[in-house]
Protein backbone atom coordinates (compact mmCIF):
# COMPACT_ATOMS: atom_id res chain seq x y z
CA MET A 1 -5.73 -3.48 4.34
CA ALA A 2 -9.34 -4.04 5.40
CA SER A 3 -10.60 -7.61 5.56
CA GLU A 4 -13.02 -6.90 2.69
CA HIS A 5 -10.08 -5.85 0.54
CA LYS A 6 -8.04 -8.91 1.51
CA PHE A 7 -10.93 -11.10 0.41
CA LEU A 8 -11.22 -9.26 -2.91
CA LYS A 9 -7.49 -9.54 -3.46
CA PHE A 10 -7.73 -13.28 -2.80
CA ILE A 11 -10.62 -13.98 -5.21
CA LEU A 12 -9.87 -11.48 -8.01
CA PRO A 13 -7.03 -11.55 -10.49
CA ALA A 14 -4.42 -8.86 -9.76
CA ARG A 15 -5.51 -6.74 -12.71
CA ALA A 16 -9.18 -6.78 -11.66
CA PHE A 17 -8.30 -6.00 -8.03
CA GLU A 18 -6.27 -2.96 -9.14
CA ALA A 19 -9.21 -1.77 -11.27
CA VAL A 20 -11.58 -2.06 -8.30
CA LYS A 21 -9.09 -0.25 -6.06
CA LYS A 22 -8.55 2.53 -8.61
CA GLY A 23 -12.31 2.95 -9.10
CA THR A 24 -13.01 3.09 -5.37
CA LYS A 25 -10.19 5.56 -4.75
CA GLN A 26 -12.29 8.07 -6.73
CA TRP A 27 -14.87 8.22 -3.91
CA LEU A 28 -14.94 10.13 -0.62
CA ILE A 29 -17.15 9.95 2.43
CA GLU A 30 -18.13 13.36 3.75
CA CYS A 31 -19.58 14.40 7.11
CA LYS A 32 -21.93 17.37 7.45
CA CYS A 33 -19.13 19.16 9.34
CA GLY A 34 -17.01 18.99 6.18
CA HIS A 35 -14.61 16.24 7.26
CA LEU A 36 -13.56 14.07 4.29
CA ARG A 37 -12.18 10.53 4.28
CA ASP A 38 -11.15 8.22 1.47
CA PHE A 39 -13.81 5.53 0.99
CA TRP A 40 -11.24 2.83 0.14
CA ASP A 41 -9.32 3.50 3.36
CA LEU A 42 -12.50 2.90 5.36
CA GLY A 43 -12.90 -0.56 3.83
CA GLY A 44 -15.49 0.43 1.25
CA VAL A 45 -15.80 -0.70 -2.35
CA ARG A 46 -17.52 1.35 -5.09
CA TYR A 47 -16.57 0.06 -8.51
CA LYS A 48 -18.45 1.36 -11.56
CA ALA A 49 -20.92 2.91 -9.12
CA VAL A 50 -23.33 5.79 -9.60
CA GLY A 51 -25.33 7.90 -7.17
CA GLU A 52 -24.48 9.34 -3.80
CA PRO A 53 -25.69 7.04 -1.03
CA ARG A 54 -25.40 7.85 2.66
CA GLN A 55 -24.09 5.87 5.62
CA TYR A 56 -24.73 6.50 9.29
CA LEU A 57 -21.27 6.76 10.88
CA ASN A 58 -19.35 8.42 13.68
CA CYS A 59 -17.21 11.34 12.54
CA PRO A 60 -13.71 11.46 14.06
CA GLU A 61 -13.66 15.24 13.61
CA CYS A 62 -16.93 16.40 15.23
CA GLN A 63 -17.46 13.20 17.30
CA LYS A 64 -21.12 12.98 16.21
CA ASN A 65 -23.07 10.12 14.67
CA THR A 66 -24.46 11.56 11.44
CA TRP A 67 -25.40 10.58 7.92
CA HIS A 68 -22.26 10.80 5.78
CA LYS A 69 -22.57 11.29 2.03
CA ILE A 70 -20.52 9.06 -0.23
CA ARG A 71 -19.59 11.14 -3.25
CA GLU A 72 -17.22 11.09 -6.16
CA LYS A 73 -14.13 13.28 -5.93
CA THR A 74 -14.15 16.60 -7.78
CA GLU A 75 -11.52 17.28 -10.43
CA ALA A 76 -9.52 19.40 -7.96
CA GLU A 77 -9.61 16.60 -5.36
CA LYS A 78 -8.48 14.06 -7.96
CA LEU A 79 -5.37 16.16 -8.67
CA GLN A 80 -4.37 16.25 -5.01
CA VAL A 81 -2.18 13.34 -3.97
């Protein structure tokens, strides 16, 4: 668990922490090469969020520093487990 998540788990009641985790699990971070990663697993938090911001990160797939789009999962991606 990322340190940000440990802090949230410490300060939030269990029910609220699970709601934040569930909400954030609906978001992906996508490189221009098409590589997708779960935003929660990277230490991110997006609870009740809107919009598709970008973050400048290194992609483990193409090994380039690029702007990655943070986007909500599609219905098909939500069904995959």
